[in-house]
């Protein structure tokens, strides 16, 4: 249905370059299509990140590095496989902490797996929170373990806070790493994600290097930069001849 509807539009705007290219391919180049990233209020995110963190979610005394991820606890986010990957890496002797922020339909099953495998001191579910940024801001690295995304806003928000990102190659993932000029892109499968996380655990000094790079590149995700892109899009739309 949607290809026919797209054909009626003067211009189709996707949320990422990947989605633009995929849609152009499926539409055989017959639709005027582009992309424009969602606006992110970096000032608000920074303000929220500086609020005091709830004591129970202060992981400063836990094993380093601290990996954080934020999202709905649903299958497409890949959190069960992320916990299993963490468990395997713990078995290999690596020390770190994994914090998963969010709520959703998989919450009980994830909690059960953590409990049954004695991971309570290493893997933490915070549940839903109105302000995940104050927790993310204390992390050493952000992980996107998703099987599917349009464009991961939470990865961009982490980058704004200067937190390096490891992400699977979901739509928009490569663009986020390219915009950061640092971080790590892995394939979608479990083994690739595990190998990516292991590579960081084996060379933790790279996290400091990535954070240093983000001091320069994080502004690319901010409101001022994205508004400029939106103005370009509006100019393009203004110039379009109207369909009769």
Protein backbone atom coordinates (compact mmCIF):
# COMPACT_ATOMS: atom_id res chain seq x y z
CA UNK A 1 0.00 0.00 0.00
CA UNK A 2 2.65 2.56 1.04
CA UNK A 3 4.49 2.70 -2.34
CA UNK A 4 1.27 3.86 -3.99
CA UNK A 5 0.73 6.48 -1.29
CA UNK A 6 4.32 7.70 -1.52
CA UNK A 7 3.91 8.18 -5.25
CA UNK A 8 1.18 10.74 -4.55
CA UNK A 9 3.52 12.90 -2.45
CA UNK A 10 5.53 15.86 -3.70
CA UNK A 11 8.38 14.76 -1.44
CA UNK A 12 8.92 11.92 1.03
CA UNK A 13 11.10 12.59 4.09
CA UNK A 14 12.73 9.68 5.95
CA UNK A 15 14.31 9.76 9.41
CA UNK A 16 17.73 8.49 8.25
CA UNK A 17 19.90 8.26 5.17
CA UNK A 18 19.64 4.46 5.31
CA UNK A 19 15.84 4.62 5.21
CA UNK A 20 16.00 7.11 2.34
CA UNK A 21 18.24 4.86 0.27
CA UNK A 22 16.16 1.78 1.05
CA UNK A 23 12.90 3.49 0.14
CA UNK A 24 14.40 4.89 -3.08
CA UNK A 25 15.51 1.39 -4.03
CA UNK A 26 12.09 -0.11 -3.34
CA UNK A 27 10.39 2.73 -5.22
CA UNK A 28 12.76 2.21 -8.17
CA UNK A 29 13.73 5.88 -8.05
CA UNK A 30 10.23 7.03 -8.94
CA UNK A 31 9.63 9.16 -5.84
CA UNK A 32 11.21 12.44 -4.77
CA UNK A 33 12.73 11.34 -1.47
CA UNK A 34 15.19 12.67 1.09
CA UNK A 35 15.95 12.41 4.81
CA UNK A 36 16.03 14.73 7.78
CA UNK A 37 17.02 13.69 11.29
CA UNK A 38 14.68 14.30 14.22
CA UNK A 39 15.33 17.42 16.25
CA UNK A 40 16.94 16.82 19.63
CA UNK A 41 16.96 19.53 22.31
CA UNK A 42 20.52 19.08 23.52
CA UNK A 43 20.19 21.85 26.12
CA UNK A 44 17.31 20.05 27.81
CA UNK A 45 19.15 16.72 27.76
CA UNK A 46 22.25 18.27 29.30
CA UNK A 47 20.16 19.94 32.01
CA UNK A 48 18.43 16.66 32.85
CA UNK A 49 21.75 14.82 32.88
CA UNK A 50 23.04 17.12 35.61
CA UNK A 51 20.22 16.33 38.01
CA UNK A 52 21.05 14.18 41.02
CA UNK A 53 20.94 10.47 40.33
CA UNK A 54 18.72 8.25 42.51
CA UNK A 55 20.97 6.59 45.08
CA UNK A 56 19.86 3.09 44.13
CA UNK A 57 21.00 3.73 40.55
CA UNK A 58 24.37 5.22 41.44
CA UNK A 59 26.78 2.70 39.91
CA UNK A 60 29.98 4.57 40.79
CA UNK A 61 31.05 1.77 43.13
CA UNK A 62 30.28 -1.03 40.65
CA UNK A 63 32.67 -2.83 38.32
CA UNK A 64 33.96 -0.70 35.45
CA UNK A 65 33.28 -0.05 32.68
CA UNK A 66 29.59 0.69 33.09
CA UNK A 67 27.57 -0.04 29.96
CA UNK A 68 24.13 1.56 29.71
CA UNK A 69 21.26 1.12 27.30
CA UNK A 70 17.84 2.80 27.17
CA UNK A 71 14.66 1.64 25.50
CA UNK A 72 11.39 -0.23 25.61
CA UNK A 73 11.87 -3.74 26.93
CA UNK A 74 10.53 -5.48 23.83
CA UNK A 75 12.03 -8.21 21.60
CA UNK A 76 13.22 -5.96 18.78
CA UNK A 77 15.53 -4.11 21.18
CA UNK A 78 17.60 -7.26 21.74
CA UNK A 79 17.92 -6.96 25.50
CA UNK A 80 17.63 -10.66 26.26
CA UNK A 81 20.48 -11.41 23.89
CA UNK A 82 22.46 -8.53 25.38
CA UNK A 83 22.10 -9.99 28.88
CA UNK A 84 23.15 -13.42 27.58
CA UNK A 85 26.17 -11.86 25.86
CA UNK A 86 27.08 -10.13 29.13
CA UNK A 87 26.73 -13.42 30.97
CA UNK A 88 29.09 -15.13 28.50
CA UNK A 89 31.63 -12.35 28.88
CA UNK A 90 31.42 -12.59 32.67
CA UNK A 91 32.15 -16.31 32.29
CA UNK A 92 35.23 -15.42 30.24
CA UNK A 93 36.49 -13.40 33.19
CA UNK A 94 35.62 -9.84 32.15
CA UNK A 95 34.46 -7.39 34.81
CA UNK A 96 31.89 -4.70 33.99
CA UNK A 97 28.38 -3.53 34.83
CA UNK A 98 25.35 -3.51 32.53
CA UNK A 99 22.43 -1.15 33.20
CA UNK A 100 19.21 -1.41 31.20
CA UNK A 101 16.85 1.56 31.54
CA UNK A 102 13.20 1.21 30.54
CA UNK A 103 10.06 -0.82 30.94
CA UNK A 104 8.00 -3.01 28.67
CA UNK A 105 6.57 -6.46 27.97
CA UNK A 106 9.85 -8.33 28.44
CA UNK A 107 10.63 -6.84 31.85
CA UNK A 108 9.47 -9.84 33.89
CA UNK A 109 11.24 -12.38 31.69
CA UNK A 110 14.46 -10.35 31.79
CA UNK A 111 14.25 -10.05 35.57
CA UNK A 112 13.63 -13.79 35.84
CA UNK A 113 16.67 -14.59 33.68
CA UNK A 114 18.87 -12.25 35.72
CA UNK A 115 17.68 -13.81 38.97
CA UNK A 116 17.94 -17.45 37.83
CA UNK A 117 21.48 -16.90 36.56
CA UNK A 118 22.70 -14.96 39.60
CA UNK A 119 23.44 -11.79 37.68
CA UNK A 120 21.83 -9.40 40.17
CA UNK A 121 25.16 -7.77 41.11
CA UNK A 122 26.23 -7.24 37.51
CA UNK A 123 23.11 -6.59 35.41
CA UNK A 124 20.51 -4.06 36.54
CA UNK A 125 17.04 -3.17 35.27
CA UNK A 126 15.97 0.27 36.46
CA UNK A 127 12.44 0.12 35.07
CA UNK A 128 10.83 3.14 33.43
CA UNK A 129 12.12 6.55 34.45
CA UNK A 130 11.24 10.07 33.33
CA UNK A 131 14.90 11.03 33.30
CA UNK A 132 17.28 8.35 31.99
CA UNK A 133 19.90 10.99 31.14
CA UNK A 134 21.18 11.42 34.68
CA UNK A 135 22.04 7.70 34.66
CA UNK A 136 23.40 7.60 31.11
CA UNK A 137 25.62 10.58 31.92
CA UNK A 138 27.50 8.46 34.48
CA UNK A 139 28.14 5.59 32.05
CA UNK A 140 31.36 4.72 30.27
CA UNK A 141 29.67 3.47 27.10
CA UNK A 142 26.18 3.22 25.58
CA UNK A 143 25.02 0.05 23.79
CA UNK A 144 22.29 -0.25 21.18
CA UNK A 145 21.60 -3.98 20.84
CA UNK A 146 18.54 -3.60 18.61
CA UNK A 147 17.49 -5.83 15.75
CA UNK A 148 15.47 -2.99 14.21
CA UNK A 149 15.40 0.82 14.43
CA UNK A 150 14.51 3.72 12.18
CA UNK A 151 17.13 5.99 13.73
CA UNK A 152 18.20 5.48 17.32
CA UNK A 153 17.45 8.74 19.11
CA UNK A 154 18.80 7.32 22.38
CA UNK A 155 22.19 6.77 20.74
CA UNK A 156 22.22 10.39 19.59
CA UNK A 157 21.23 11.53 23.08
CA UNK A 158 24.09 9.51 24.58
CA UNK A 159 26.51 11.11 22.12
CA UNK A 160 25.25 14.57 23.13
CA UNK A 161 26.26 13.69 26.69
CA UNK A 162 29.70 12.65 25.47
CA UNK A 163 29.07 8.95 26.04
CA UNK A 164 30.58 6.69 23.33
CA UNK A 165 28.25 4.35 21.45
CA UNK A 166 28.41 0.71 20.41
CA UNK A 167 25.54 -0.04 18.04
CA UNK A 168 24.40 -2.85 15.82
CA UNK A 169 24.05 -2.08 12.12
CA UNK A 170 20.38 -1.12 12.36
CA UNK A 171 19.11 1.62 10.02
CA UNK A 172 20.86 4.82 11.05
CA UNK A 173 23.51 3.00 13.08
CA UNK A 174 26.34 3.61 10.65
CA UNK A 175 25.31 7.25 10.34
CA UNK A 176 25.46 7.74 14.10
CA UNK A 177 28.97 6.29 14.31
CA UNK A 178 30.03 8.38 11.30
CA UNK A 179 28.62 11.54 12.90
CA UNK A 180 30.39 10.74 16.20
CA UNK A 181 33.67 10.05 14.36
CA UNK A 182 34.17 7.39 17.02
CA UNK A 183 32.42 4.43 18.64
CA UNK A 184 31.79 1.01 17.18
CA UNK A 185 29.38 -0.44 14.63
CA UNK A 186 28.77 -4.20 14.74
CA UNK A 187 26.75 -6.53 12.57
CA UNK A 188 23.25 -7.44 13.76
CA UNK A 189 24.04 -11.00 14.87
CA UNK A 190 24.85 -11.99 18.47
CA UNK A 191 28.45 -13.05 17.79
CA UNK A 192 29.33 -9.72 16.16
CA UNK A 193 27.82 -7.71 19.01
CA UNK A 194 29.64 -9.86 21.55
CA UNK A 195 32.93 -9.45 19.68
CA UNK A 196 32.45 -5.69 19.61
CA UNK A 197 31.83 -5.43 23.34
CA UNK A 198 34.74 -7.80 24.04
CA UNK A 199 37.08 -5.64 21.94
CA UNK A 200 36.25 -2.64 24.13
CA UNK A 201 36.73 -4.65 27.33
CA UNK A 202 40.13 -5.79 26.06
CA UNK A 203 41.16 -2.22 25.22
CA UNK A 204 39.33 0.04 27.68
CA UNK A 205 41.58 3.02 27.02
CA UNK A 206 39.70 3.45 23.75
CA UNK A 207 36.72 4.71 25.76
CA UNK A 208 38.77 7.70 26.91
CA UNK A 209 39.86 8.35 23.33
CA UNK A 210 36.25 8.20 22.13
CA UNK A 211 35.08 10.56 24.88
CA UNK A 212 37.78 13.03 23.87
CA UNK A 213 36.63 12.89 20.25
CA UNK A 214 33.00 13.43 21.28
CA UNK A 215 33.90 16.72 22.93
CA UNK A 216 34.16 18.04 19.38
CA UNK A 217 31.64 15.94 17.47
CA UNK A 218 28.70 15.79 19.92
CA UNK A 219 27.47 19.19 18.71
CA UNK A 220 26.57 17.64 15.36
CA UNK A 221 23.57 16.01 17.07
CA UNK A 222 22.39 19.21 18.76
CA UNK A 223 19.41 21.40 18.03
CA UNK A 224 21.34 24.16 16.29
CA UNK A 225 22.91 21.76 13.79
CA UNK A 226 19.67 19.87 13.12
CA UNK A 227 17.63 23.07 12.68
CA UNK A 228 20.01 24.12 9.90
CA UNK A 229 19.31 20.81 8.16
CA UNK A 230 15.58 21.35 8.62
CA UNK A 231 15.79 24.82 7.07
CA UNK A 232 17.45 23.30 4.01
CA UNK A 233 14.57 20.83 3.75
CA UNK A 234 11.98 23.61 4.06
CA UNK A 235 13.75 25.55 1.30
CA UNK A 236 13.59 22.48 -0.92
CA UNK A 237 9.89 22.02 -0.17
CA UNK A 238 9.21 25.68 -0.93
CA UNK A 239 10.76 25.28 -4.36
CA UNK A 240 8.71 22.21 -5.28
CA UNK A 241 6.19 22.59 -8.09
CA UNK A 242 2.79 21.57 -6.79
CA UNK A 243 1.23 18.45 -8.26
CA UNK A 244 -2.05 18.99 -10.06
